[in-house]
Amino acid sequence: MSKGDDWREIQAQEHKEKYEALAQKIGIDKLIPLIPASKERVAECLKCDEELNLIPLTAWDKAAGQVGGRNEKCTCCGHPVWQKEHLAMEGPWLGHNTPFIHTLCTRVCVLKHVARFHYL
């Protein structure tokens, strides 16, 4: 095994531990309903795509609470949304024991982690 392989394994383990901790804190049961694909689709994708990139990113973004686009309104305050990066501040992402997860990237990573390790 080369140094590069060791580094990749360490990075993968750190990634898994980070998103597992976040998913556990939010609640796996609250996140599973947000997965934007069927169990069958996720299982099929995992055969050749560990990162689940065959499921469109727009589906993950929407599942993670992204709001935006023409004539859409913020689900929290009702104001018109013009930025695609605007995130809904509701649902499992904001709870009594959970710090608000404020980046779309982090939310998508949490959802993909749950899809890989808890959905099937």
PDB file of N, CA and C in Angstrom:
ATOM      1  N   MET A   1       0.847  -1.176   0.000  1.00  0.00           N
ATOM      2  CA  MET A   1       0.000   0.000   0.000  1.00  0.00           C
ATOM      3  C   MET A   1       0.893   1.241   0.000  1.00  0.00           C
ATOM      4  N   SER A   2       0.620   2.190  -0.877  1.00  0.00           N
ATOM      5  CA  SER A   2       1.436   3.395  -0.972  1.00  0.00           C
ATOM      6  C   SER A   2       0.977   4.434   0.039  1.00  0.00           C
ATOM      7  N   LYS A   3       1.801   5.488   0.212  1.00  0.00           N
ATOM      8  CA  LYS A   3       1.437   6.579   1.113  1.00  0.00           C
ATOM      9  C   LYS A   3       0.125   7.233   0.677  1.00  0.00           C
ATOM     10  N   GLY A   4      -0.081   7.333  -0.621  1.00  0.00           N
ATOM     11  CA  GLY A   4      -1.309   7.927  -1.139  1.00  0.00           C
ATOM     12  C   GLY A   4      -2.537   7.131  -0.730  1.00  0.00           C
ATOM     13  N   ASP A   5      -2.407   5.806  -0.741  1.00  0.00           N
ATOM     14  CA  ASP A   5      -3.512   4.941  -0.330  1.00  0.00           C
ATOM     15  C   ASP A   5      -3.809   5.114   1.157  1.00  0.00           C
ATOM     16  N   ASP A   6      -2.746   5.204   1.970  1.00  0.00           N
ATOM     17  CA  ASP A   6      -2.918   5.426   3.408  1.00  0.00           C
ATOM     18  C   ASP A   6      -3.662   6.735   3.650  1.00  0.00           C
ATOM     19  N   TRP A   7      -3.261   7.774   2.971  1.00  0.00           N
ATOM     20  CA  TRP A   7      -3.879   9.093   3.125  1.00  0.00           C
ATOM     21  C   TRP A   7      -5.355   9.045   2.743  1.00  0.00           C
ATOM     22  N   ARG A   8      -5.670   8.350   1.652  1.00  0.00           N
ATOM     23  CA  ARG A   8      -7.070   8.241   1.218  1.00  0.00           C
ATOM     24  C   ARG A   8      -7.920   7.489   2.254  1.00  0.00           C
ATOM     25  N   GLU A   9      -7.337   6.438   2.825  1.00  0.00           N
ATOM     26  CA  GLU A   9      -8.070   5.689   3.849  1.00  0.00           C
ATOM     27  C   GLU A   9      -8.313   6.534   5.086  1.00  0.00           C
ATOM     28  N   ILE A  10      -7.317   7.281   5.500  1.00  0.00           N
ATOM     29  CA  ILE A  10      -7.461   8.171   6.661  1.00  0.00           C
ATOM     30  C   ILE A  10      -8.521   9.226   6.378  1.00  0.00           C
ATOM     31  N   GLN A  11      -8.458   9.821   5.205  1.00  0.00           N
ATOM     32  CA  GLN A  11      -9.433  10.846   4.827  1.00  0.00           C
ATOM     33  C   GLN A  11     -10.844  10.269   4.783  1.00  0.00           C
ATOM     34  N   ALA A  12     -11.008   9.095   4.218  1.00  0.00           N
ATOM     35  CA  ALA A  12     -12.324   8.458   4.136  1.00  0.00           C
ATOM     36  C   ALA A  12     -12.870   8.160   5.527  1.00  0.00           C
ATOM     37  N   GLN A  13     -12.003   7.699   6.430  1.00  0.00           N
ATOM     38  CA  GLN A  13     -12.431   7.404   7.796  1.00  0.00           C
ATOM     39  C   GLN A  13     -12.841   8.686   8.531  1.00  0.00           C
ATOM     40  N   GLU A  14     -12.067   9.761   8.366  1.00  0.00           N
ATOM     41  CA  GLU A  14     -12.411  11.046   8.992  1.00  0.00           C
ATOM     42  C   GLU A  14     -13.751  11.551   8.475  1.00  0.00           C
ATOM     43  N   HIS A  15     -13.940  11.438   7.172  1.00  0.00           N
ATOM     44  CA  HIS A  15     -15.193  11.869   6.537  1.00  0.00           C
ATOM     45  C   HIS A  15     -16.366  11.074   7.119  1.00  0.00           C
ATOM     46  N   LYS A  16     -16.203   9.762   7.198  1.00  0.00           N
ATOM     47  CA  LYS A  16     -17.266   8.894   7.717  1.00  0.00           C
ATOM     48  C   LYS A  16     -17.596   9.250   9.167  1.00  0.00           C
ATOM     49  N   GLU A  17     -16.576   9.441   9.994  1.00  0.00           N
ATOM     50  CA  GLU A  17     -16.801   9.755  11.408  1.00  0.00           C
ATOM     51  C   GLU A  17     -17.478  11.113  11.583  1.00  0.00           C
ATOM     52  N   LYS A  18     -17.060  12.101  10.812  1.00  0.00           N
ATOM     53  CA  LYS A  18     -17.644  13.440  10.916  1.00  0.00           C
ATOM     54  C   LYS A  18     -19.133  13.411  10.578  1.00  0.00           C
ATOM     55  N   TYR A  19     -19.486  12.816   9.434  1.00  0.00           N
ATOM     56  CA  TYR A  19     -20.871  12.839   8.995  1.00  0.00           C
ATOM     57  C   TYR A  19     -21.743  11.861   9.765  1.00  0.00           C
ATOM     58  N   GLU A  20     -21.143  10.814  10.303  1.00  0.00           N
ATOM     59  CA  GLU A  20     -21.899   9.912  11.179  1.00  0.00           C
ATOM     60  C   GLU A  20     -22.292  10.656  12.465  1.00  0.00           C
ATOM     61  N   ALA A  21     -21.341  11.412  13.018  1.00  0.00           N
ATOM     62  CA  ALA A  21     -21.630  12.172  14.239  1.00  0.00           C
ATOM     63  C   ALA A  21     -22.741  13.197  13.993  1.00  0.00           C
ATOM     64  N   LEU A  22     -22.669  13.909  12.886  1.00  0.00           N
ATOM     65  CA  LEU A  22     -23.717  14.885  12.560  1.00  0.00           C
ATOM     66  C   LEU A  22     -25.060  14.197  12.350  1.00  0.00           C
ATOM     67  N   ALA A  23     -25.057  13.101  11.612  1.00  0.00           N
ATOM     68  CA  ALA A  23     -26.298  12.374  11.340  1.00  0.00           C
ATOM     69  C   ALA A  23     -26.924  11.854  12.635  1.00  0.00           C
ATOM     70  N   GLN A  24     -26.100  11.331  13.529  1.00  0.00           N
ATOM     71  CA  GLN A  24     -26.599  10.833  14.803  1.00  0.00           C
ATOM     72  C   GLN A  24     -27.187  11.972  15.636  1.00  0.00           C
ATOM     73  N   LYS A  25     -26.515  13.117  15.625  1.00  0.00           N
ATOM     74  CA  LYS A  25     -26.983  14.275  16.404  1.00  0.00           C
ATOM     75  C   LYS A  25     -28.330  14.774  15.874  1.00  0.00           C
ATOM     76  N   ILE A  26     -28.476  14.818  14.558  1.00  0.00           N
ATOM     77  CA  ILE A  26     -29.737  15.262  13.951  1.00  0.00           C
ATOM     78  C   ILE A  26     -30.813  14.196  14.151  1.00  0.00           C
ATOM     79  N   GLY A  27     -30.423  12.946  13.941  1.00  0.00           N
ATOM     80  CA  GLY A  27     -31.359  11.825  14.044  1.00  0.00           C
ATOM     81  C   GLY A  27     -31.511  11.133  12.701  1.00  0.00           C
ATOM     82  N   ILE A  28     -31.003   9.931  12.606  1.00  0.00           N
ATOM     83  CA  ILE A  28     -31.060   9.158  11.361  1.00  0.00           C
ATOM     84  C   ILE A  28     -32.505   9.052  10.882  1.00  0.00           C
ATOM     85  N   ASP A  29     -33.416   8.807  11.822  1.00  0.00           N
ATOM     86  CA  ASP A  29     -34.830   8.642  11.471  1.00  0.00           C
ATOM     87  C   ASP A  29     -35.438   9.899  10.861  1.00  0.00           C
ATOM     88  N   LYS A  30     -34.888  11.059  11.184  1.00  0.00           N
ATOM     89  CA  LYS A  30     -35.375  12.318  10.608  1.00  0.00           C
ATOM     90  C   LYS A  30     -34.780  12.567   9.230  1.00  0.00           C
ATOM     91  N   LEU A  31     -33.620  11.992   8.964  1.00  0.00           N
ATOM     92  CA  LEU A  31     -32.923  12.229   7.699  1.00  0.00           C
ATOM     93  C   LEU A  31     -33.331  11.247   6.603  1.00  0.00           C
ATOM     94  N   ILE A  32     -33.634  10.016   6.965  1.00  0.00           N
ATOM     95  CA  ILE A  32     -33.976   9.002   5.964  1.00  0.00           C
ATOM     96  C   ILE A  32     -35.107   9.446   5.031  1.00  0.00           C
ATOM     97  N   PRO A  33     -36.174  10.076   5.546  1.00  0.00           N
ATOM     98  CA  PRO A  33     -37.242  10.498   4.628  1.00  0.00           C
ATOM     99  C   PRO A  33     -36.808  11.557   3.611  1.00  0.00           C
ATOM    100  N   LEU A  34     -35.668  12.191   3.841  1.00  0.00           N
ATOM    101  CA  LEU A  34     -35.196  13.226   2.921  1.00  0.00           C
ATOM    102  C   LEU A  34     -34.377  12.679   1.760  1.00  0.00           C
ATOM    103  N   ILE A  35     -33.964  11.418   1.827  1.00  0.00           N
ATOM    104  CA  ILE A  35     -33.133  10.840   0.759  1.00  0.00           C
ATOM    105  C   ILE A  35     -33.906  10.946  -0.555  1.00  0.00           C
ATOM    106  N   PRO A  36     -33.299  11.574  -1.573  1.00  0.00           N
ATOM    107  CA  PRO A  36     -34.043  11.875  -2.805  1.00  0.00           C
ATOM    108  C   PRO A  36     -34.090  10.758  -3.843  1.00  0.00           C
ATOM    109  N   ALA A  37     -33.959   9.519  -3.386  1.00  0.00           N
ATOM    110  CA  ALA A  37     -34.020   8.380  -4.313  1.00  0.00           C
ATOM    111  C   ALA A  37     -34.519   7.170  -3.539  1.00  0.00           C
ATOM    112  N   SER A  38     -35.080   6.231  -4.272  1.00  0.00           N
ATOM    113  CA  SER A  38     -35.570   5.004  -3.638  1.00  0.00           C
ATOM    114  C   SER A  38     -34.392   4.165  -3.140  1.00  0.00           C
ATOM    115  N   LYS A  39     -34.694   3.243  -2.241  1.00  0.00           N
ATOM    116  CA  LYS A  39     -33.664   2.324  -1.747  1.00  0.00           C
ATOM    117  C   LYS A  39     -33.061   1.530  -2.899  1.00  0.00           C
ATOM    118  N   GLU A  40     -33.910   1.140  -3.842  1.00  0.00           N
ATOM    119  CA  GLU A  40     -33.440   0.374  -4.999  1.00  0.00           C
ATOM    120  C   GLU A  40     -32.456   1.190  -5.838  1.00  0.00           C
ATOM    121  N   ARG A  41     -32.785   2.460  -6.051  1.00  0.00           N
ATOM    122  CA  ARG A  41     -31.911   3.336  -6.842  1.00  0.00           C
ATOM    123  C   ARG A  41     -30.576   3.548  -6.135  1.00  0.00           C
ATOM    124  N   VAL A  42     -30.612   3.780  -4.842  1.00  0.00           N
ATOM    125  CA  VAL A  42     -29.377   3.971  -4.074  1.00  0.00           C
ATOM    126  C   VAL A  42     -28.525   2.705  -4.138  1.00  0.00           C
ATOM    127  N   ALA A  43     -29.144   1.540  -3.942  1.00  0.00           N
ATOM    128  CA  ALA A  43     -28.395   0.277  -4.004  1.00  0.00           C
ATOM    129  C   ALA A  43     -27.754   0.083  -5.366  1.00  0.00           C
ATOM    130  N   GLU A  44     -28.493   0.384  -6.419  1.00  0.00           N
ATOM    131  CA  GLU A  44     -27.968   0.245  -7.782  1.00  0.00           C
ATOM    132  C   GLU A  44     -26.795   1.202  -8.010  1.00  0.00           C
ATOM    133  N   CYS A  45     -26.937   2.432  -7.562  1.00  0.00           N
ATOM    134  CA  CYS A  45     -25.865   3.423  -7.733  1.00  0.00           C
ATOM    135  C   CYS A  45     -24.608   3.019  -6.968  1.00  0.00           C
ATOM    136  N   LEU A  46     -24.773   2.493  -5.766  1.00  0.00           N
ATOM    137  CA  LEU A  46     -23.615   2.135  -4.945  1.00  0.00           C
ATOM    138  C   LEU A  46     -22.764   1.026  -5.555  1.00  0.00           C
ATOM    139  N   LYS A  47     -23.312   0.264  -6.480  1.00  0.00           N
ATOM    140  CA  LYS A  47     -22.540  -0.797  -7.135  1.00  0.00           C
ATOM    141  C   LYS A  47     -21.373  -0.231  -7.945  1.00  0.00           C
ATOM    142  N   CYS A  48     -21.550   0.958  -8.480  1.00  0.00           N
ATOM    143  CA  CYS A  48     -20.488   1.530  -9.330  1.00  0.00           C
ATOM    144  C   CYS A  48     -20.158   2.983  -8.984  1.00  0.00           C
ATOM    145  N   ASP A  49     -20.853   3.549  -7.999  1.00  0.00           N
ATOM    146  CA  ASP A  49     -20.696   4.975  -7.698  1.00  0.00           C
ATOM    147  C   ASP A  49     -20.824   5.200  -6.193  1.00  0.00           C
ATOM    148  N   GLU A  50     -19.724   4.998  -5.490  1.00  0.00           N
ATOM    149  CA  GLU A  50     -19.725   5.119  -4.030  1.00  0.00           C
ATOM    150  C   GLU A  50     -20.162   6.506  -3.548  1.00  0.00           C
ATOM    151  N   GLU A  51     -19.937   7.521  -4.364  1.00  0.00           N
ATOM    152  CA  GLU A  51     -20.270   8.893  -3.971  1.00  0.00           C
ATOM    153  C   GLU A  51     -21.725   9.266  -4.278  1.00  0.00           C
ATOM    154  N   LEU A  52     -22.463   8.373  -4.897  1.00  0.00           N
ATOM    155  CA  LEU A  52     -23.868   8.590  -5.271  1.00  0.00           C
ATOM    156  C   LEU A  52     -24.059   9.789  -6.197  1.00  0.00           C
ATOM    157  N   ASN A  53     -23.080  10.013  -7.049  1.00  0.00           N
ATOM    158  CA  ASN A  53     -23.170  11.126  -7.995  1.00  0.00           C
ATOM    159  C   ASN A  53     -24.065  10.829  -9.199  1.00  0.00           C
ATOM    160  N   LEU A  54     -24.504   9.578  -9.339  1.00  0.00           N
ATOM    161  CA  LEU A  54     -25.442   9.262 -10.418  1.00  0.00           C
ATOM    162  C   LEU A  54     -26.849   9.782 -10.102  1.00  0.00           C
ATOM    163  N   ILE A  55     -27.085  10.070  -8.835  1.00  0.00           N
ATOM    164  CA  ILE A  55     -28.332  10.741  -8.443  1.00  0.00           C
ATOM    165  C   ILE A  55     -28.064  12.231  -8.630  1.00  0.00           C
ATOM    166  N   PRO A  56     -28.872  12.934  -9.398  1.00  0.00           N
ATOM    167  CA  PRO A  56     -28.574  14.333  -9.732  1.00  0.00           C
ATOM    168  C   PRO A  56     -28.332  15.210  -8.500  1.00  0.00           C
ATOM    169  N   LEU A  57     -27.331  16.053  -8.606  1.00  0.00           N
ATOM    170  CA  LEU A  57     -26.991  16.960  -7.517  1.00  0.00           C
ATOM    171  C   LEU A  57     -28.169  17.871  -7.168  1.00  0.00           C
ATOM    172  N   THR A  58     -28.946  18.246  -8.166  1.00  0.00           N
ATOM    173  CA  THR A  58     -30.106  19.106  -7.884  1.00  0.00           C
ATOM    174  C   THR A  58     -31.088  18.400  -6.946  1.00  0.00           C
ATOM    175  N   ALA A  59     -31.194  17.078  -7.050  1.00  0.00           N
ATOM    176  CA  ALA A  59     -32.075  16.325  -6.152  1.00  0.00           C
ATOM    177  C   ALA A  59     -31.533  16.358  -4.722  1.00  0.00           C
ATOM    178  N   TRP A  60     -30.210  16.180  -4.587  1.00  0.00           N
ATOM    179  CA  TRP A  60     -29.596  16.251  -3.256  1.00  0.00           C
ATOM    180  C   TRP A  60     -29.748  17.659  -2.681  1.00  0.00           C
ATOM    181  N   ASP A  61     -29.498  18.669  -3.497  1.00  0.00           N
ATOM    182  CA  ASP A  61     -29.606  20.065  -3.035  1.00  0.00           C
ATOM    183  C   ASP A  61     -31.005  20.369  -2.512  1.00  0.00           C
ATOM    184  N   LYS A  62     -32.002  19.974  -3.267  1.00  0.00           N
ATOM    185  CA  LYS A  62     -33.385  20.228  -2.859  1.00  0.00           C
ATOM    186  C   LYS A  62     -33.707  19.470  -1.572  1.00  0.00           C
ATOM    187  N   ALA A  63     -33.264  18.226  -1.489  1.00  0.00           N
ATOM    188  CA  ALA A  63     -33.497  17.426  -0.285  1.00  0.00           C
ATOM    189  C   ALA A  63     -32.817  18.039   0.933  1.00  0.00           C
ATOM    190  N   ALA A  64     -31.706  18.716   0.696  1.00  0.00           N
ATOM    191  CA  ALA A  64     -30.945  19.338   1.784  1.00  0.00           C
ATOM    192  C   ALA A  64     -31.489  20.715   2.163  1.00  0.00           C
ATOM    193  N   GLY A  65     -32.569  21.133   1.521  1.00  0.00           N
ATOM    194  CA  GLY A  65     -33.217  22.376   1.930  1.00  0.00           C
ATOM    195  C   GLY A  65     -32.920  23.586   1.089  1.00  0.00           C
ATOM    196  N   GLN A  66     -32.306  23.391  -0.079  1.00  0.00           N
ATOM    197  CA  GLN A  66     -32.038  24.536  -0.937  1.00  0.00           C
ATOM    198  C   GLN A  66     -33.354  25.063  -1.496  1.00  0.00           C
ATOM    199  N   VAL A  67     -33.536  26.344  -1.367  1.00  0.00           N
ATOM    200  CA  VAL A  67     -34.686  26.997  -1.983  1.00  0.00           C
ATOM    201  C   VAL A  67     -34.156  28.133  -2.838  1.00  0.00           C
ATOM    202  N   GLY A  68     -34.863  28.434  -3.847  1.00  0.00           N
ATOM    203  CA  GLY A  68     -34.433  29.518  -4.718  1.00  0.00           C
ATOM    204  C   GLY A  68     -34.961  29.309  -6.107  1.00  0.00           C
ATOM    205  N   GLY A  69     -34.889  30.341  -6.853  1.00  0.00           N
ATOM    206  CA  GLY A  69     -35.396  30.268  -8.203  1.00  0.00           C
ATOM    207  C   GLY A  69     -36.536  31.243  -8.381  1.00  0.00           C
ATOM    208  N   ARG A  70     -37.029  31.287  -9.546  1.00  0.00           N
ATOM    209  CA  ARG A  70     -38.073  32.234  -9.891  1.00  0.00           C
ATOM    210  C   ARG A  70     -39.355  32.006  -9.100  1.00  0.00           C
ATOM    211  N   ASN A  71     -39.843  33.061  -8.502  1.00  0.00           N
ATOM    212  CA  ASN A  71     -41.120  33.066  -7.784  1.00  0.00           C
ATOM    213  C   ASN A  71     -41.171  32.139  -6.571  1.00  0.00           C
ATOM    214  N   GLU A  72     -40.023  31.692  -6.083  1.00  0.00           N
ATOM    215  CA  GLU A  72     -40.040  30.885  -4.869  1.00  0.00           C
ATOM    216  C   GLU A  72     -39.907  31.792  -3.666  1.00  0.00           C
ATOM    217  N   LYS A  73     -40.441  31.324  -2.544  1.00  0.00           N
ATOM    218  CA  LYS A  73     -40.375  32.102  -1.313  1.00  0.00           C
ATOM    219  C   LYS A  73     -39.706  31.274  -0.233  1.00  0.00           C
ATOM    220  N   CYS A  74     -39.026  31.962   0.657  1.00  0.00           N
ATOM    221  CA  CYS A  74     -38.374  31.302   1.783  1.00  0.00           C
ATOM    222  C   CYS A  74     -39.449  30.630   2.629  1.00  0.00           C
ATOM    223  N   THR A  75     -39.218  29.368   2.971  1.00  0.00           N
ATOM    224  CA  THR A  75     -40.200  28.633   3.771  1.00  0.00           C
ATOM    225  C   THR A  75     -40.221  29.130   5.208  1.00  0.00           C
ATOM    226  N   CYS A  76     -39.197  29.845   5.615  1.00  0.00           N
ATOM    227  CA  CYS A  76     -39.112  30.333   6.989  1.00  0.00           C
ATOM    228  C   CYS A  76     -39.792  31.698   7.153  1.00  0.00           C
ATOM    229  N   CYS A  77     -39.465  32.649   6.266  1.00  0.00           N
ATOM    230  CA  CYS A  77     -39.961  34.020   6.447  1.00  0.00           C
ATOM    231  C   CYS A  77     -40.943  34.467   5.366  1.00  0.00           C
ATOM    232  N   GLY A  78     -41.038  33.711   4.263  1.00  0.00           N
ATOM    233  CA  GLY A  78     -41.981  34.052   3.211  1.00  0.00           C
ATOM    234  C   GLY A  78     -41.505  35.097   2.219  1.00  0.00           C
ATOM    235  N   HIS A  79     -40.301  35.625   2.406  1.00  0.00           N
ATOM    236  CA  HIS A  79     -39.775  36.625   1.476  1.00  0.00           C
ATOM    237  C   HIS A  79     -39.338  35.963   0.176  1.00  0.00           C
ATOM    238  N   PRO A  80     -39.417  36.699  -0.935  1.00  0.00           N
ATOM    239  CA  PRO A  80     -38.943  36.131  -2.209  1.00  0.00           C
ATOM    240  C   PRO A  80     -37.474  35.732  -2.119  1.00  0.00           C
ATOM    241  N   VAL A  81     -37.137  34.631  -2.763  1.00  0.00           N
ATOM    242  CA  VAL A  81     -35.765  34.122  -2.753  1.00  0.00           C
ATOM    243  C   VAL A  81     -35.177  34.301  -4.146  1.00  0.00           C
ATOM    244  N   TRP A  82     -34.032  34.936  -4.210  1.00  0.00           N
ATOM    245  CA  TRP A  82     -33.387  35.155  -5.506  1.00  0.00           C
ATOM    246  C   TRP A  82     -32.068  34.414  -5.613  1.00  0.00           C
ATOM    247  N   GLN A  83     -31.516  33.980  -4.507  1.00  0.00           N
ATOM    248  CA  GLN A  83     -30.243  33.275  -4.542  1.00  0.00           C
ATOM    249  C   GLN A  83     -30.489  31.777  -4.487  1.00  0.00           C
ATOM    250  N   LYS A  84     -29.826  31.036  -5.342  1.00  0.00           N
ATOM    251  CA  LYS A  84     -29.983  29.577  -5.337  1.00  0.00           C
ATOM    252  C   LYS A  84     -29.410  28.965  -4.062  1.00  0.00           C
ATOM    253  N   GLU A  85     -28.522  29.681  -3.388  1.00  0.00           N
ATOM    254  CA  GLU A  85     -27.860  29.123  -2.215  1.00  0.00           C
ATOM    255  C   GLU A  85     -28.660  29.324  -0.937  1.00  0.00           C
ATOM    256  N   HIS A  86     -29.829  29.921  -1.012  1.00  0.00           N
ATOM    257  CA  HIS A  86     -30.632  30.148   0.179  1.00  0.00           C
ATOM    258  C   HIS A  86     -31.091  28.801   0.728  1.00  0.00           C
ATOM    259  N   LEU A  87     -30.931  28.609   2.034  1.00  0.00           N
ATOM    260  CA  LEU A  87     -31.292  27.342   2.655  1.00  0.00           C
ATOM    261  C   LEU A  87     -32.462  27.508   3.603  1.00  0.00           C
ATOM    262  N   ALA A  88     -33.368  26.578   3.562  1.00  0.00           N
ATOM    263  CA  ALA A  88     -34.485  26.572   4.497  1.00  0.00           C
ATOM    264  C   ALA A  88     -33.944  26.323   5.906  1.00  0.00           C
ATOM    265  N   MET A  89     -34.467  27.061   6.846  1.00  0.00           N
ATOM    266  CA  MET A  89     -34.046  26.906   8.242  1.00  0.00           C
ATOM    267  C   MET A  89     -35.161  26.208   9.014  1.00  0.00           C
ATOM    268  N   GLU A  90     -35.464  24.999   8.591  1.00  0.00           N
ATOM    269  CA  GLU A  90     -36.536  24.236   9.232  1.00  0.00           C
ATOM    270  C   GLU A  90     -36.232  22.759   9.103  1.00  0.00           C
ATOM    271  N   GLY A  91     -37.112  21.950   9.620  1.00  0.00           N
ATOM    272  CA  GLY A  91     -36.938  20.506   9.527  1.00  0.00           C
ATOM    273  C   GLY A  91     -35.822  20.019  10.425  1.00  0.00           C
ATOM    274  N   PRO A  92     -35.238  18.894  10.083  1.00  0.00           N
ATOM    275  CA  PRO A  92     -34.234  18.292  10.972  1.00  0.00           C
ATOM    276  C   PRO A  92     -32.949  19.106  11.064  1.00  0.00           C
ATOM    277  N   TRP A  93     -32.780  20.051  10.144  1.00  0.00           N
ATOM    278  CA  TRP A  93     -31.538  20.831  10.125  1.00  0.00           C
ATOM    279  C   TRP A  93     -31.458  21.823  11.276  1.00  0.00           C
ATOM    280  N   LEU A  94     -32.562  22.104  11.917  1.00  0.00           N
ATOM    281  CA  LEU A  94     -32.582  23.059  13.020  1.00  0.00           C
ATOM    282  C   LEU A  94     -33.432  22.467  14.128  1.00  0.00           C
ATOM    283  N   GLY A  95     -32.793  21.955  15.146  1.00  0.00           N
ATOM    284  CA  GLY A  95     -33.531  21.329  16.230  1.00  0.00           C
ATOM    285  C   GLY A  95     -33.060  21.834  17.578  1.00  0.00           C
ATOM    286  N   HIS A  96     -33.702  21.368  18.598  1.00  0.00           N
ATOM    287  CA  HIS A  96     -33.378  21.819  19.951  1.00  0.00           C
ATOM    288  C   HIS A  96     -31.971  21.423  20.370  1.00  0.00           C
ATOM    289  N   ASN A  97     -31.528  20.252  19.963  1.00  0.00           N
ATOM    290  CA  ASN A  97     -30.198  19.771  20.352  1.00  0.00           C
ATOM    291  C   ASN A  97     -29.203  19.794  19.195  1.00  0.00           C
ATOM    292  N   THR A  98     -29.597  20.418  18.102  1.00  0.00           N
ATOM    293  CA  THR A  98     -28.772  20.384  16.899  1.00  0.00           C
ATOM    294  C   THR A  98     -28.390  21.789  16.476  1.00  0.00           C
ATOM    295  N   PRO A  99     -27.108  22.052  16.309  1.00  0.00           N
ATOM    296  CA  PRO A  99     -26.729  23.364  15.774  1.00  0.00           C
ATOM    297  C   PRO A  99     -27.191  23.450  14.322  1.00  0.00           C
ATOM    298  N   PHE A 100     -27.592  24.610  13.902  1.00  0.00           N
ATOM    299  CA  PHE A 100     -28.044  24.776  12.524  1.00  0.00           C
ATOM    300  C   PHE A 100     -26.887  24.480  11.576  1.00  0.00           C
ATOM    301  N   ILE A 101     -27.116  23.576  10.671  1.00  0.00           N
ATOM    302  CA  ILE A 101     -26.103  23.232   9.664  1.00  0.00           C
ATOM    303  C   ILE A 101     -26.349  24.160   8.494  1.00  0.00           C
ATOM    304  N   HIS A 102     -25.462  25.117   8.308  1.00  0.00           N
ATOM    305  CA  HIS A 102     -25.732  26.240   7.428  1.00  0.00           C
ATOM    306  C   HIS A 102     -25.084  26.195   6.059  1.00  0.00           C
ATOM    307  N   THR A 103     -24.474  25.095   5.693  1.00  0.00           N
ATOM    308  CA  THR A 103     -23.945  25.031   4.338  1.00  0.00           C
ATOM    309  C   THR A 103     -24.617  23.890   3.581  1.00  0.00           C
ATOM    310  N   LEU A 104     -24.914  24.161   2.340  1.00  0.00           N
ATOM    311  CA  LEU A 104     -25.544  23.161   1.489  1.00  0.00           C
ATOM    312  C   LEU A 104     -24.644  21.937   1.353  1.00  0.00           C
ATOM    313  N   CYS A 105     -23.365  22.168   1.206  1.00  0.00           N
ATOM    314  CA  CYS A 105     -22.404  21.081   1.046  1.00  0.00           C
ATOM    315  C   CYS A 105     -22.449  20.129   2.243  1.00  0.00           C
ATOM    316  N   THR A 106     -22.460  20.665   3.441  1.00  0.00           N
ATOM    317  CA  THR A 106     -22.494  19.819   4.639  1.00  0.00           C
ATOM    318  C   THR A 106     -23.786  19.028   4.701  1.00  0.00           C
ATOM    319  N   ARG A 107     -24.892  19.679   4.381  1.00  0.00           N
ATOM    320  CA  ARG A 107     -26.178  18.988   4.405  1.00  0.00           C
ATOM    321  C   ARG A 107     -26.208  17.842   3.401  1.00  0.00           C
ATOM    322  N   VAL A 108     -25.715  18.086   2.192  1.00  0.00           N
ATOM    323  CA  VAL A 108     -25.692  17.038   1.167  1.00  0.00           C
ATOM    324  C   VAL A 108     -24.791  15.887   1.610  1.00  0.00           C
ATOM    325  N   CYS A 109     -23.645  16.201   2.195  1.00  0.00           N
ATOM    326  CA  CYS A 109     -22.744  15.146   2.672  1.00  0.00           C
ATOM    327  C   CYS A 109     -23.400  14.306   3.760  1.00  0.00           C
ATOM    328  N   VAL A 110     -24.141  14.942   4.659  1.00  0.00           N
ATOM    329  CA  VAL A 110     -24.852  14.198   5.704  1.00  0.00           C
ATOM    330  C   VAL A 110     -25.879  13.265   5.063  1.00  0.00           C
ATOM    331  N   LEU A 111     -26.652  13.779   4.109  1.00  0.00           N
ATOM    332  CA  LEU A 111     -27.666  12.944   3.452  1.00  0.00           C
ATOM    333  C   LEU A 111     -27.046  11.779   2.690  1.00  0.00           C
ATOM    334  N   LYS A 112     -25.960  12.043   1.971  1.00  0.00           N
ATOM    335  CA  LYS A 112     -25.304  10.962   1.234  1.00  0.00           C
ATOM    336  C   LYS A 112     -24.736   9.918   2.194  1.00  0.00           C
ATOM    337  N   HIS A 113     -24.210  10.371   3.318  1.00  0.00           N
ATOM    338  CA  HIS A 113     -23.702   9.435   4.329  1.00  0.00           C
ATOM    339  C   HIS A 113     -24.834   8.531   4.823  1.00  0.00           C
ATOM    340  N   VAL A 114     -25.960   9.138   5.144  1.00  0.00           N
ATOM    341  CA  VAL A 114     -27.111   8.362   5.628  1.00  0.00           C
ATOM    342  C   VAL A 114     -27.583   7.386   4.553  1.00  0.00           C
ATOM    343  N   ALA A 115     -27.594   7.835   3.303  1.00  0.00           N
ATOM    344  CA  ALA A 115     -28.008   6.944   2.210  1.00  0.00           C
ATOM    345  C   ALA A 115     -27.054   5.747   2.091  1.00  0.00           C
ATOM    346  N   ARG A 116     -25.758   5.988   2.256  1.00  0.00           N
ATOM    347  CA  ARG A 116     -24.769   4.908   2.127  1.00  0.00           C
ATOM    348  C   ARG A 116     -24.808   3.920   3.286  1.00  0.00           C
ATOM    349  N   PHE A 117     -24.961   4.419   4.511  1.00  0.00           N
ATOM    350  CA  PHE A 117     -24.747   3.569   5.679  1.00  0.00           C
ATOM    351  C   PHE A 117     -26.000   3.224   6.492  1.00  0.00           C
ATOM    352  N   HIS A 118     -27.124   3.895   6.237  1.00  0.00           N
ATOM    353  CA  HIS A 118     -28.304   3.649   7.074  1.00  0.00           C
ATOM    354  C   HIS A 118     -29.590   3.430   6.302  1.00  0.00           C
ATOM    355  N   TYR A 119     -29.589   3.649   5.018  1.00  0.00           N
ATOM    356  CA  TYR A 119     -30.827   3.642   4.227  1.00  0.00           C
ATOM    357  C   TYR A 119     -31.212   2.247   3.750  1.00  0.00           C
ATOM    358  N   LEU A 120     -30.237   1.440   3.421  1.00  0.00           N
ATOM    359  CA  LEU A 120     -30.517   0.136   2.824  1.00  0.00           C
ATOM    360  C   LEU A 120     -30.718  -0.958   3.864  1.00  0.00           C
TER     361      LEU A 120
END
